[in-house]
Amino acid sequence: MAFQLSLALGAPFARAALGGIHEGQLPTDLRVVSVFAAAMWAFAAVVVMRRAGLRATPPASPLLRRAAWIVVGVLAFGALLNFASPSPWERFMWGPFSLILAGLCALVARSDSETSHGTVQSG
């Protein structure tokens, strides 16, 4: 989310995003895309944090488990796209990052409970 937001604000990291075909800043139309991507990742973070049981997020809903699996799917699909990208940044940084993040989100998505609230229980 922070990376997409930085792109939207004009950070010169275009080589590491959206196929890596632009130098420096993204063109205006792609900066708008980055705004929407940042918003989508913010929503995804809320879904996964709530599914993990953190109270700082909105209340749980019956659709939360499905939404968490959608996040996993989006991340896994994004990893495939990144691995297929002509951009070395996307292939070697964002591909593995997305794949690892998809795996971690899958662990949260398949968890049995939304009531742990991030606490560690000793046994």
C-alpha atoms as a PDB file:
ATOM      1  CA  MET A   1       0.000   0.000   0.000  1.00  0.00           C
ATOM      2  CA  ALA A   2       2.765   2.422   0.932  1.00  0.00           C
ATOM      3  CA  PHE A   3       4.616   1.692  -2.305  1.00  0.00           C
ATOM      4  CA  GLN A   4       1.523   2.351  -4.425  1.00  0.00           C
ATOM      5  CA  LEU A   5       0.810   5.524  -2.480  1.00  0.00           C
ATOM      6  CA  SER A   6       4.380   6.713  -3.013  1.00  0.00           C
ATOM      7  CA  LEU A   7       3.993   6.083  -6.752  1.00  0.00           C
ATOM      8  CA  ALA A   8       0.741   8.047  -6.778  1.00  0.00           C
ATOM      9  CA  LEU A   9       2.482  10.945  -5.045  1.00  0.00           C
ATOM     10  CA  GLY A  10       5.231  11.004  -7.680  1.00  0.00           C
ATOM     11  CA  ALA A  11       8.048   8.870  -6.275  1.00  0.00           C
ATOM     12  CA  PRO A  12      10.540   7.980  -9.036  1.00  0.00           C
ATOM     13  CA  PHE A  13      10.068   4.205  -8.787  1.00  0.00           C
ATOM     14  CA  ALA A  14       8.219   3.563 -12.056  1.00  0.00           C
ATOM     15  CA  ARG A  15      10.806   0.942 -13.108  1.00  0.00           C
ATOM     16  CA  ALA A  16       9.603  -1.236 -10.202  1.00  0.00           C
ATOM     17  CA  ALA A  17       5.890  -1.107 -11.053  1.00  0.00           C
ATOM     18  CA  LEU A  18       3.304  -1.809 -13.726  1.00  0.00           C
ATOM     19  CA  GLY A  19       5.648  -3.670 -16.043  1.00  0.00           C
ATOM     20  CA  GLY A  20       8.635  -1.396 -15.433  1.00  0.00           C
ATOM     21  CA  ILE A  21       8.335   0.294 -18.823  1.00  0.00           C
ATOM     22  CA  HIS A  22       8.434   3.864 -17.498  1.00  0.00           C
ATOM     23  CA  GLU A  23      11.428   5.803 -16.161  1.00  0.00           C
ATOM     24  CA  GLY A  24      11.212   7.993 -13.062  1.00  0.00           C
ATOM     25  CA  GLN A  25       7.654   8.933 -12.130  1.00  0.00           C
ATOM     26  CA  LEU A  26       4.612   7.179 -13.484  1.00  0.00           C
ATOM     27  CA  PRO A  27       2.510   9.100 -15.997  1.00  0.00           C
ATOM     28  CA  THR A  28      -0.587  10.763 -14.548  1.00  0.00           C
ATOM     29  CA  ASP A  29      -3.040   8.065 -15.654  1.00  0.00           C
ATOM     30  CA  LEU A  30      -0.965   5.343 -13.981  1.00  0.00           C
ATOM     31  CA  ARG A  31      -0.576   7.464 -10.857  1.00  0.00           C
ATOM     32  CA  VAL A  32      -4.374   7.409 -10.626  1.00  0.00           C
ATOM     33  CA  VAL A  33      -4.221   3.609 -10.931  1.00  0.00           C
ATOM     34  CA  SER A  34      -1.773   3.620  -8.009  1.00  0.00           C
ATOM     35  CA  VAL A  35      -4.254   5.602  -5.886  1.00  0.00           C
ATOM     36  CA  PHE A  36      -6.878   2.907  -6.470  1.00  0.00           C
ATOM     37  CA  ALA A  37      -4.321   0.157  -5.820  1.00  0.00           C
ATOM     38  CA  ALA A  38      -3.330   1.786  -2.520  1.00  0.00           C
ATOM     39  CA  ALA A  39      -6.996   1.969  -1.476  1.00  0.00           C
ATOM     40  CA  MET A  40      -7.512  -1.677  -2.426  1.00  0.00           C
ATOM     41  CA  TRP A  41      -4.459  -2.759  -0.401  1.00  0.00           C
ATOM     42  CA  ALA A  42      -5.679  -0.719   2.583  1.00  0.00           C
ATOM     43  CA  PHE A  43      -8.998  -2.572   2.417  1.00  0.00           C
ATOM     44  CA  ALA A  44      -7.166  -5.902   2.059  1.00  0.00           C
ATOM     45  CA  ALA A  45      -5.080  -5.095   5.140  1.00  0.00           C
ATOM     46  CA  VAL A  46      -8.235  -4.400   7.157  1.00  0.00           C
ATOM     47  CA  VAL A  47      -9.776  -7.703   6.000  1.00  0.00           C
ATOM     48  CA  VAL A  48      -6.707  -9.732   6.961  1.00  0.00           C
ATOM     49  CA  MET A  49      -6.169  -7.916  10.283  1.00  0.00           C
ATOM     50  CA  ARG A  50      -9.829  -8.423  11.210  1.00  0.00           C
ATOM     51  CA  ARG A  51      -9.673 -12.074  10.186  1.00  0.00           C
ATOM     52  CA  ALA A  52      -6.584 -12.405  12.415  1.00  0.00           C
ATOM     53  CA  GLY A  53      -8.670 -11.116  15.314  1.00  0.00           C
ATOM     54  CA  LEU A  54      -7.240  -7.641  15.801  1.00  0.00           C
ATOM     55  CA  ARG A  55      -9.728  -5.307  17.476  1.00  0.00           C
ATOM     56  CA  ALA A  56      -8.456  -2.104  15.860  1.00  0.00           C
ATOM     57  CA  THR A  57     -10.425  -2.920  12.741  1.00  0.00           C
ATOM     58  CA  PRO A  58     -14.180  -2.862  12.007  1.00  0.00           C
ATOM     59  CA  PRO A  59     -16.379  -5.679  13.386  1.00  0.00           C
ATOM     60  CA  ALA A  60     -16.308  -9.083  11.756  1.00  0.00           C
ATOM     61  CA  SER A  61     -18.876  -9.981   9.121  1.00  0.00           C
ATOM     62  CA  PRO A  62     -20.010 -13.337   7.735  1.00  0.00           C
ATOM     63  CA  LEU A  63     -18.191 -12.520   4.489  1.00  0.00           C
ATOM     64  CA  LEU A  64     -14.846 -11.981   6.197  1.00  0.00           C
ATOM     65  CA  ARG A  65     -13.482 -15.471   5.551  1.00  0.00           C
ATOM     66  CA  ARG A  66     -14.390 -15.277   1.849  1.00  0.00           C
ATOM     67  CA  ALA A  67     -12.898 -11.793   1.600  1.00  0.00           C
ATOM     68  CA  ALA A  68      -9.659 -13.058   3.148  1.00  0.00           C
ATOM     69  CA  TRP A  69      -9.491 -15.838   0.523  1.00  0.00           C
ATOM     70  CA  ILE A  70     -10.061 -13.257  -2.206  1.00  0.00           C
ATOM     71  CA  VAL A  71      -7.036 -11.342  -0.853  1.00  0.00           C
ATOM     72  CA  VAL A  72      -5.010 -14.571  -1.030  1.00  0.00           C
ATOM     73  CA  GLY A  73      -6.118 -15.096  -4.623  1.00  0.00           C
ATOM     74  CA  VAL A  74      -5.286 -11.534  -5.651  1.00  0.00           C
ATOM     75  CA  LEU A  75      -1.830 -11.824  -4.092  1.00  0.00           C
ATOM     76  CA  ALA A  76      -1.145 -15.203  -5.719  1.00  0.00           C
ATOM     77  CA  PHE A  77      -2.303 -13.928  -9.123  1.00  0.00           C
ATOM     78  CA  GLY A  78      -0.183 -10.797  -8.632  1.00  0.00           C
ATOM     79  CA  ALA A  79       2.825 -12.977  -7.865  1.00  0.00           C
ATOM     80  CA  LEU A  80       2.337 -14.835 -11.150  1.00  0.00           C
ATOM     81  CA  LEU A  81       2.080 -11.555 -13.049  1.00  0.00           C
ATOM     82  CA  ASN A  82       5.183 -10.229 -11.322  1.00  0.00           C
ATOM     83  CA  PHE A  83       7.188 -13.362 -12.128  1.00  0.00           C
ATOM     84  CA  ALA A  84       6.144 -12.977 -15.797  1.00  0.00           C
ATOM     85  CA  SER A  85       7.003  -9.263 -15.935  1.00  0.00           C
ATOM     86  CA  PRO A  86       9.858  -7.926 -18.072  1.00  0.00           C
ATOM     87  CA  SER A  87      10.875  -5.769 -15.096  1.00  0.00           C
ATOM     88  CA  PRO A  88      13.677  -7.289 -12.976  1.00  0.00           C
ATOM     89  CA  TRP A  89      12.287  -5.405  -9.958  1.00  0.00           C
ATOM     90  CA  GLU A  90       8.944  -7.126 -10.347  1.00  0.00           C
ATOM     91  CA  ARG A  91      10.401 -10.564 -11.074  1.00  0.00           C
ATOM     92  CA  PHE A  92      12.973 -10.654  -8.285  1.00  0.00           C
ATOM     93  CA  MET A  93      11.433  -8.429  -5.612  1.00  0.00           C
ATOM     94  CA  TRP A  94       7.650  -8.151  -6.006  1.00  0.00           C
ATOM     95  CA  GLY A  95       7.122 -11.735  -7.232  1.00  0.00           C
ATOM     96  CA  PRO A  96       8.638 -13.429  -4.171  1.00  0.00           C
ATOM     97  CA  PHE A  97       7.196 -10.762  -1.849  1.00  0.00           C
ATOM     98  CA  SER A  98       3.676 -11.314  -3.210  1.00  0.00           C
ATOM     99  CA  LEU A  99       4.016 -15.087  -3.021  1.00  0.00           C
ATOM    100  CA  ILE A 100       5.183 -15.001   0.602  1.00  0.00           C
ATOM    101  CA  LEU A 101       2.445 -12.534   1.506  1.00  0.00           C
ATOM    102  CA  ALA A 102      -0.154 -14.776  -0.176  1.00  0.00           C
ATOM    103  CA  GLY A 103       1.065 -17.706   1.927  1.00  0.00           C
ATOM    104  CA  LEU A 104       0.898 -15.730   5.149  1.00  0.00           C
ATOM    105  CA  CYS A 105      -2.567 -14.423   4.302  1.00  0.00           C
ATOM    106  CA  ALA A 106      -3.663 -17.999   3.530  1.00  0.00           C
ATOM    107  CA  LEU A 107      -2.644 -19.010   7.055  1.00  0.00           C
ATOM    108  CA  VAL A 108      -4.817 -16.234   8.443  1.00  0.00           C
ATOM    109  CA  ALA A 109      -7.693 -16.986   6.045  1.00  0.00           C
ATOM    110  CA  ARG A 110      -7.829 -20.652   7.006  1.00  0.00           C
ATOM    111  CA  SER A 111      -7.638 -20.029  10.752  1.00  0.00           C
ATOM    112  CA  ASP A 112     -10.567 -21.369  12.773  1.00  0.00           C
ATOM    113  CA  SER A 113     -11.284 -18.366  14.927  1.00  0.00           C
ATOM    114  CA  GLU A 114     -11.690 -14.623  14.688  1.00  0.00           C
ATOM    115  CA  THR A 115     -11.743 -14.251  18.460  1.00  0.00           C
ATOM    116  CA  SER A 116      -8.064 -14.469  19.412  1.00  0.00           C
ATOM    117  CA  HIS A 117      -7.669 -10.669  19.210  1.00  0.00           C
ATOM    118  CA  GLY A 118      -3.951 -10.978  18.675  1.00  0.00           C
ATOM    119  CA  THR A 119      -3.262 -12.383  22.156  1.00  0.00           C
ATOM    120  CA  VAL A 120      -0.750 -15.099  22.885  1.00  0.00           C
ATOM    121  CA  GLN A 121      -1.884 -17.802  25.266  1.00  0.00           C
ATOM    122  CA  SER A 122       0.609 -19.665  27.394  1.00  0.00           C
ATOM    123  CA  GLY A 123       0.143 -23.331  28.058  1.00  0.00           C
END
